[in-house]
Amino acid sequence: MSERPLNRLKVVLVENQKTSKWLAEQLGVSAVTVSKWCTNMHQPDLQTLSKIADILNVDVKDMLNSTKEA
């Protein structure tokens, strides 16, 4: 069983026509940090995930992949 990504940040950025560099500037973090989130190497904490959802004007639930099997 392969491990599924936890967050959908990369997809949500594309849907909103935004770059990871732009998001890094909005959050005041490095582009490398956002890149690690986008590739699911690391995960943002819940407070940061909530900020990202606000910045991108999406529901925080839309930032996460479902943990339930289809």
PDB file of N, CA and C in Angstrom:
ATOM      1  N   MET A   1       0.848  -1.189   0.000  1.00  0.00           N
ATOM      2  CA  MET A   1       0.000   0.000   0.000  1.00  0.00           C
ATOM      3  C   MET A   1       0.886   1.243   0.000  1.00  0.00           C
ATOM      4  N   SER A   2       0.732   2.100  -0.993  1.00  0.00           N
ATOM      5  CA  SER A   2       1.525   3.325  -1.043  1.00  0.00           C
ATOM      6  C   SER A   2       0.876   4.397  -0.158  1.00  0.00           C
ATOM      7  N   GLU A   3       1.746   5.217   0.393  1.00  0.00           N
ATOM      8  CA  GLU A   3       1.263   6.266   1.283  1.00  0.00           C
ATOM      9  C   GLU A   3       0.678   7.404   0.455  1.00  0.00           C
ATOM     10  N   ARG A   4      -0.541   7.813   0.805  1.00  0.00           N
ATOM     11  CA  ARG A   4      -1.197   8.883   0.071  1.00  0.00           C
ATOM     12  C   ARG A   4      -0.807  10.235   0.663  1.00  0.00           C
ATOM     13  N   PRO A   5      -0.679  11.253  -0.190  1.00  0.00           N
ATOM     14  CA  PRO A   5      -0.351  12.588   0.318  1.00  0.00           C
ATOM     15  C   PRO A   5      -1.446  13.085   1.267  1.00  0.00           C
ATOM     16  N   LEU A   6      -1.023  13.794   2.307  1.00  0.00           N
ATOM     17  CA  LEU A   6      -1.992  14.317   3.269  1.00  0.00           C
ATOM     18  C   LEU A   6      -2.643  15.605   2.796  1.00  0.00           C
ATOM     19  N   ASN A   7      -1.845  16.484   2.191  1.00  0.00           N
ATOM     20  CA  ASN A   7      -2.441  17.762   1.800  1.00  0.00           C
ATOM     21  C   ASN A   7      -2.527  17.892   0.286  1.00  0.00           C
ATOM     22  N   ARG A   8      -3.404  18.788  -0.132  1.00  0.00           N
ATOM     23  CA  ARG A   8      -3.664  19.056  -1.551  1.00  0.00           C
ATOM     24  C   ARG A   8      -3.141  20.430  -1.947  1.00  0.00           C
ATOM     25  N   LEU A   9      -2.158  20.936  -1.221  1.00  0.00           N
ATOM     26  CA  LEU A   9      -1.719  22.314  -1.419  1.00  0.00           C
ATOM     27  C   LEU A   9      -1.318  22.591  -2.868  1.00  0.00           C
ATOM     28  N   LYS A  10      -0.540  21.707  -3.460  1.00  0.00           N
ATOM     29  CA  LYS A  10      -0.089  21.928  -4.837  1.00  0.00           C
ATOM     30  C   LYS A  10      -1.277  22.064  -5.788  1.00  0.00           C
ATOM     31  N   VAL A  11      -2.260  21.192  -5.631  1.00  0.00           N
ATOM     32  CA  VAL A  11      -3.455  21.218  -6.484  1.00  0.00           C
ATOM     33  C   VAL A  11      -4.249  22.511  -6.268  1.00  0.00           C
ATOM     34  N   VAL A  12      -4.419  22.894  -5.005  1.00  0.00           N
ATOM     35  CA  VAL A  12      -5.200  24.098  -4.696  1.00  0.00           C
ATOM     36  C   VAL A  12      -4.494  25.348  -5.230  1.00  0.00           C
ATOM     37  N   LEU A  13      -3.173  25.385  -5.155  1.00  0.00           N
ATOM     38  CA  LEU A  13      -2.435  26.524  -5.727  1.00  0.00           C
ATOM     39  C   LEU A  13      -2.676  26.608  -7.232  1.00  0.00           C
ATOM     40  N   VAL A  14      -2.612  25.477  -7.926  1.00  0.00           N
ATOM     41  CA  VAL A  14      -2.845  25.464  -9.373  1.00  0.00           C
ATOM     42  C   VAL A  14      -4.271  25.918  -9.676  1.00  0.00           C
ATOM     43  N   GLU A  15      -5.234  25.403  -8.925  1.00  0.00           N
ATOM     44  CA  GLU A  15      -6.637  25.783  -9.142  1.00  0.00           C
ATOM     45  C   GLU A  15      -6.846  27.287  -8.961  1.00  0.00           C
ATOM     46  N   ASN A  16      -6.051  27.892  -8.077  1.00  0.00           N
ATOM     47  CA  ASN A  16      -6.176  29.330  -7.814  1.00  0.00           C
ATOM     48  C   ASN A  16      -5.179  30.164  -8.608  1.00  0.00           C
ATOM     49  N   GLN A  17      -4.465  29.520  -9.522  1.00  0.00           N
ATOM     50  CA  GLN A  17      -3.475  30.183 -10.374  1.00  0.00           C
ATOM     51  C   GLN A  17      -2.468  30.985  -9.554  1.00  0.00           C
ATOM     52  N   LYS A  18      -1.968  30.353  -8.494  1.00  0.00           N
ATOM     53  CA  LYS A  18      -0.964  30.966  -7.621  1.00  0.00           C
ATOM     54  C   LYS A  18       0.262  30.069  -7.582  1.00  0.00           C
ATOM     55  N   THR A  19       1.409  30.662  -7.269  1.00  0.00           N
ATOM     56  CA  THR A  19       2.645  29.898  -7.189  1.00  0.00           C
ATOM     57  C   THR A  19       3.031  29.666  -5.733  1.00  0.00           C
ATOM     58  N   SER A  20       3.894  28.687  -5.533  1.00  0.00           N
ATOM     59  CA  SER A  20       4.377  28.434  -4.179  1.00  0.00           C
ATOM     60  C   SER A  20       5.209  29.614  -3.688  1.00  0.00           C
ATOM     61  N   LYS A  21       5.910  30.289  -4.595  1.00  0.00           N
ATOM     62  CA  LYS A  21       6.686  31.481  -4.213  1.00  0.00           C
ATOM     63  C   LYS A  21       5.750  32.579  -3.710  1.00  0.00           C
ATOM     64  N   TRP A  22       4.640  32.773  -4.404  1.00  0.00           N
ATOM     65  CA  TRP A  22       3.660  33.777  -3.985  1.00  0.00           C
ATOM     66  C   TRP A  22       3.136  33.451  -2.594  1.00  0.00           C
ATOM     67  N   LEU A  23       2.792  32.176  -2.359  1.00  0.00           N
ATOM     68  CA  LEU A  23       2.271  31.773  -1.055  1.00  0.00           C
ATOM     69  C   LEU A  23       3.317  31.976   0.032  1.00  0.00           C
ATOM     70  N   ALA A  24       4.552  31.650  -0.265  1.00  0.00           N
ATOM     71  CA  ALA A  24       5.635  31.850   0.710  1.00  0.00           C
ATOM     72  C   ALA A  24       5.723  33.317   1.117  1.00  0.00           C
ATOM     73  N   GLU A  25       5.604  34.218   0.142  1.00  0.00           N
ATOM     74  CA  GLU A  25       5.640  35.657   0.431  1.00  0.00           C
ATOM     75  C   GLU A  25       4.458  36.070   1.299  1.00  0.00           C
ATOM     76  N   GLN A  26       3.280  35.514   1.031  1.00  0.00           N
ATOM     77  CA  GLN A  26       2.082  35.849   1.806  1.00  0.00           C
ATOM     78  C   GLN A  26       2.224  35.405   3.262  1.00  0.00           C
ATOM     79  N   LEU A  27       2.880  34.255   3.466  1.00  0.00           N
ATOM     80  CA  LEU A  27       3.003  33.685   4.802  1.00  0.00           C
ATOM     81  C   LEU A  27       4.259  34.138   5.543  1.00  0.00           C
ATOM     82  N   GLY A  28       5.201  34.726   4.805  1.00  0.00           N
ATOM     83  CA  GLY A  28       6.464  35.125   5.421  1.00  0.00           C
ATOM     84  C   GLY A  28       7.351  33.931   5.746  1.00  0.00           C
ATOM     85  N   VAL A  29       7.280  32.895   4.905  1.00  0.00           N
ATOM     86  CA  VAL A  29       8.140  31.721   5.068  1.00  0.00           C
ATOM     87  C   VAL A  29       8.962  31.551   3.790  1.00  0.00           C
ATOM     88  N   SER A  30       9.929  30.656   3.831  1.00  0.00           N
ATOM     89  CA  SER A  30      10.770  30.459   2.652  1.00  0.00           C
ATOM     90  C   SER A  30      10.026  29.653   1.585  1.00  0.00           C
ATOM     91  N   ALA A  31      10.434  29.860   0.351  1.00  0.00           N
ATOM     92  CA  ALA A  31       9.853  29.102  -0.760  1.00  0.00           C
ATOM     93  C   ALA A  31      10.166  27.614  -0.608  1.00  0.00           C
ATOM     94  N   VAL A  32      11.301  27.296   0.003  1.00  0.00           N
ATOM     95  CA  VAL A  32      11.669  25.894   0.231  1.00  0.00           C
ATOM     96  C   VAL A  32      10.653  25.233   1.168  1.00  0.00           C
ATOM     97  N   THR A  33      10.234  25.958   2.196  1.00  0.00           N
ATOM     98  CA  THR A  33       9.239  25.424   3.134  1.00  0.00           C
ATOM     99  C   THR A  33       7.946  25.093   2.410  1.00  0.00           C
ATOM    100  N   VAL A  34       7.459  26.013   1.594  1.00  0.00           N
ATOM    101  CA  VAL A  34       6.215  25.779   0.859  1.00  0.00           C
ATOM    102  C   VAL A  34       6.394  24.629  -0.125  1.00  0.00           C
ATOM    103  N   SER A  35       7.558  24.551  -0.748  1.00  0.00           N
ATOM    104  CA  SER A  35       7.834  23.459  -1.669  1.00  0.00           C
ATOM    105  C   SER A  35       7.742  22.106  -0.964  1.00  0.00           C
ATOM    106  N   LYS A  36       8.263  22.024   0.255  1.00  0.00           N
ATOM    107  CA  LYS A  36       8.191  20.775   1.020  1.00  0.00           C
ATOM    108  C   LYS A  36       6.752  20.431   1.372  1.00  0.00           C
ATOM    109  N   TRP A  37       5.932  21.445   1.622  1.00  0.00           N
ATOM    110  CA  TRP A  37       4.514  21.198   1.874  1.00  0.00           C
ATOM    111  C   TRP A  37       3.843  20.688   0.602  1.00  0.00           C
ATOM    112  N   CYS A  38       4.171  21.315  -0.536  1.00  0.00           N
ATOM    113  CA  CYS A  38       3.545  20.947  -1.811  1.00  0.00           C
ATOM    114  C   CYS A  38       3.890  19.521  -2.227  1.00  0.00           C
ATOM    115  N   THR A  39       5.071  19.064  -1.862  1.00  0.00           N
ATOM    116  CA  THR A  39       5.488  17.717  -2.232  1.00  0.00           C
ATOM    117  C   THR A  39       5.186  16.717  -1.122  1.00  0.00           C
ATOM    118  N   ASN A  40       4.564  17.180  -0.052  1.00  0.00           N
ATOM    119  CA  ASN A  40       4.192  16.354   1.092  1.00  0.00           C
ATOM    120  C   ASN A  40       5.399  15.738   1.808  1.00  0.00           C
ATOM    121  N   MET A  41       6.554  16.399   1.676  1.00  0.00           N
ATOM    122  CA  MET A  41       7.726  15.969   2.452  1.00  0.00           C
ATOM    123  C   MET A  41       7.546  16.364   3.920  1.00  0.00           C
ATOM    124  N   HIS A  42       6.909  17.519   4.117  1.00  0.00           N
ATOM    125  CA  HIS A  42       6.568  18.014   5.447  1.00  0.00           C
ATOM    126  C   HIS A  42       5.142  18.535   5.379  1.00  0.00           C
ATOM    127  N   GLN A  43       4.524  18.712   6.548  1.00  0.00           N
ATOM    128  CA  GLN A  43       3.152  19.216   6.594  1.00  0.00           C
ATOM    129  C   GLN A  43       3.115  20.520   7.390  1.00  0.00           C
ATOM    130  N   PRO A  44       2.325  21.479   6.943  1.00  0.00           N
ATOM    131  CA  PRO A  44       2.143  22.685   7.750  1.00  0.00           C
ATOM    132  C   PRO A  44       1.336  22.342   9.003  1.00  0.00           C
ATOM    133  N   ASP A  45       1.572  23.090  10.086  1.00  0.00           N
ATOM    134  CA  ASP A  45       0.745  22.858  11.271  1.00  0.00           C
ATOM    135  C   ASP A  45      -0.676  23.340  10.990  1.00  0.00           C
ATOM    136  N   LEU A  46      -1.599  22.984  11.869  1.00  0.00           N
ATOM    137  CA  LEU A  46      -3.016  23.302  11.619  1.00  0.00           C
ATOM    138  C   LEU A  46      -3.272  24.801  11.540  1.00  0.00           C
ATOM    139  N   GLN A  47      -2.580  25.570  12.365  1.00  0.00           N
ATOM    140  CA  GLN A  47      -2.761  27.025  12.323  1.00  0.00           C
ATOM    141  C   GLN A  47      -2.309  27.580  10.965  1.00  0.00           C
ATOM    142  N   THR A  48      -1.179  27.089  10.478  1.00  0.00           N
ATOM    143  CA  THR A  48      -0.680  27.534   9.178  1.00  0.00           C
ATOM    144  C   THR A  48      -1.600  27.065   8.059  1.00  0.00           C
ATOM    145  N   LEU A  49      -2.085  25.851   8.149  1.00  0.00           N
ATOM    146  CA  LEU A  49      -3.012  25.337   7.143  1.00  0.00           C
ATOM    147  C   LEU A  49      -4.266  26.201   7.080  1.00  0.00           C
ATOM    148  N   SER A  50      -4.743  26.638   8.235  1.00  0.00           N
ATOM    149  CA  SER A  50      -5.905  27.520   8.292  1.00  0.00           C
ATOM    150  C   SER A  50      -5.598  28.872   7.637  1.00  0.00           C
ATOM    151  N   LYS A  51      -4.396  29.410   7.876  1.00  0.00           N
ATOM    152  CA  LYS A  51      -3.983  30.675   7.238  1.00  0.00           C
ATOM    153  C   LYS A  51      -3.934  30.512   5.726  1.00  0.00           C
ATOM    154  N   ILE A  52      -3.370  29.386   5.277  1.00  0.00           N
ATOM    155  CA  ILE A  52      -3.280  29.130   3.838  1.00  0.00           C
ATOM    156  C   ILE A  52      -4.675  29.084   3.220  1.00  0.00           C
ATOM    157  N   ALA A  53      -5.595  28.395   3.877  1.00  0.00           N
ATOM    158  CA  ALA A  53      -6.972  28.316   3.374  1.00  0.00           C
ATOM    159  C   ALA A  53      -7.590  29.711   3.282  1.00  0.00           C
ATOM    160  N   ASP A  54      -7.345  30.550   4.294  1.00  0.00           N
ATOM    161  CA  ASP A  54      -7.873  31.920   4.265  1.00  0.00           C
ATOM    162  C   ASP A  54      -7.268  32.711   3.112  1.00  0.00           C
ATOM    163  N   ILE A  55      -5.955  32.609   2.940  1.00  0.00           N
ATOM    164  CA  ILE A  55      -5.270  33.346   1.874  1.00  0.00           C
ATOM    165  C   ILE A  55      -5.798  32.930   0.501  1.00  0.00           C
ATOM    166  N   LEU A  56      -6.036  31.625   0.332  1.00  0.00           N
ATOM    167  CA  LEU A  56      -6.508  31.112  -0.956  1.00  0.00           C
ATOM    168  C   LEU A  56      -8.028  31.115  -1.073  1.00  0.00           C
ATOM    169  N   ASN A  57      -8.703  31.567  -0.005  1.00  0.00           N
ATOM    170  CA  ASN A  57     -10.157  31.664  -0.004  1.00  0.00           C
ATOM    171  C   ASN A  57     -10.829  30.318  -0.297  1.00  0.00           C
ATOM    172  N   VAL A  58     -10.339  29.276   0.416  1.00  0.00           N
ATOM    173  CA  VAL A  58     -10.934  27.953   0.310  1.00  0.00           C
ATOM    174  C   VAL A  58     -11.214  27.435   1.714  1.00  0.00           C
ATOM    175  N   ASP A  59     -12.075  26.437   1.805  1.00  0.00           N
ATOM    176  CA  ASP A  59     -12.343  25.793   3.084  1.00  0.00           C
ATOM    177  C   ASP A  59     -11.132  24.941   3.455  1.00  0.00           C
ATOM    178  N   VAL A  60     -10.756  24.955   4.709  1.00  0.00           N
ATOM    179  CA  VAL A  60      -9.588  24.191   5.148  1.00  0.00           C
ATOM    180  C   VAL A  60      -9.749  22.704   4.809  1.00  0.00           C
ATOM    181  N   LYS A  61     -10.970  22.203   4.778  1.00  0.00           N
ATOM    182  CA  LYS A  61     -11.208  20.806   4.404  1.00  0.00           C
ATOM    183  C   LYS A  61     -10.776  20.526   2.967  1.00  0.00           C
ATOM    184  N   ASP A  62     -10.837  21.548   2.122  1.00  0.00           N
ATOM    185  CA  ASP A  62     -10.422  21.375   0.719  1.00  0.00           C
ATOM    186  C   ASP A  62      -8.910  21.258   0.576  1.00  0.00           C
ATOM    187  N   MET A  63      -8.206  21.565   1.661  1.00  0.00           N
ATOM    188  CA  MET A  63      -6.737  21.511   1.635  1.00  0.00           C
ATOM    189  C   MET A  63      -6.226  20.100   1.947  1.00  0.00           C
ATOM    190  N   LEU A  64      -7.121  19.232   2.395  1.00  0.00           N
ATOM    191  CA  LEU A  64      -6.713  17.895   2.845  1.00  0.00           C
ATOM    192  C   LEU A  64      -7.282  16.810   1.954  1.00  0.00           C
ATOM    193  N   ASN A  65      -6.511  15.750   1.776  1.00  0.00           N
ATOM    194  CA  ASN A  65      -7.029  14.562   1.115  1.00  0.00           C
ATOM    195  C   ASN A  65      -7.837  13.764   2.113  1.00  0.00           C
ATOM    196  N   SER A  66      -8.883  13.136   1.655  1.00  0.00           N
ATOM    197  CA  SER A  66      -9.704  12.313   2.519  1.00  0.00           C
ATOM    198  C   SER A  66      -8.901  11.124   3.046  1.00  0.00           C
ATOM    199  N   THR A  67      -9.149  10.774   4.285  1.00  0.00           N
ATOM    200  CA  THR A  67      -8.479   9.611   4.854  1.00  0.00           C
ATOM    201  C   THR A  67      -9.322   8.355   4.680  1.00  0.00           C
ATOM    202  N   LYS A  68     -10.534   8.522   4.178  1.00  0.00           N
ATOM    203  CA  LYS A  68     -11.429   7.373   3.968  1.00  0.00           C
ATOM    204  C   LYS A  68     -11.242   6.837   2.552  1.00  0.00           C
ATOM    205  N   GLU A  69     -11.296   5.535   2.451  1.00  0.00           N
ATOM    206  CA  GLU A  69     -11.220   4.906   1.134  1.00  0.00           C
ATOM    207  C   GLU A  69     -12.537   5.126   0.393  1.00  0.00           C
ATOM    208  N   ALA A  70     -12.446   5.302  -0.898  1.00  0.00           N
ATOM    209  CA  ALA A  70     -13.651   5.536  -1.712  1.00  0.00           C
ATOM    210  C   ALA A  70     -14.490   4.293  -1.828  1.00  0.00           C
TER     211      ALA A  70
END
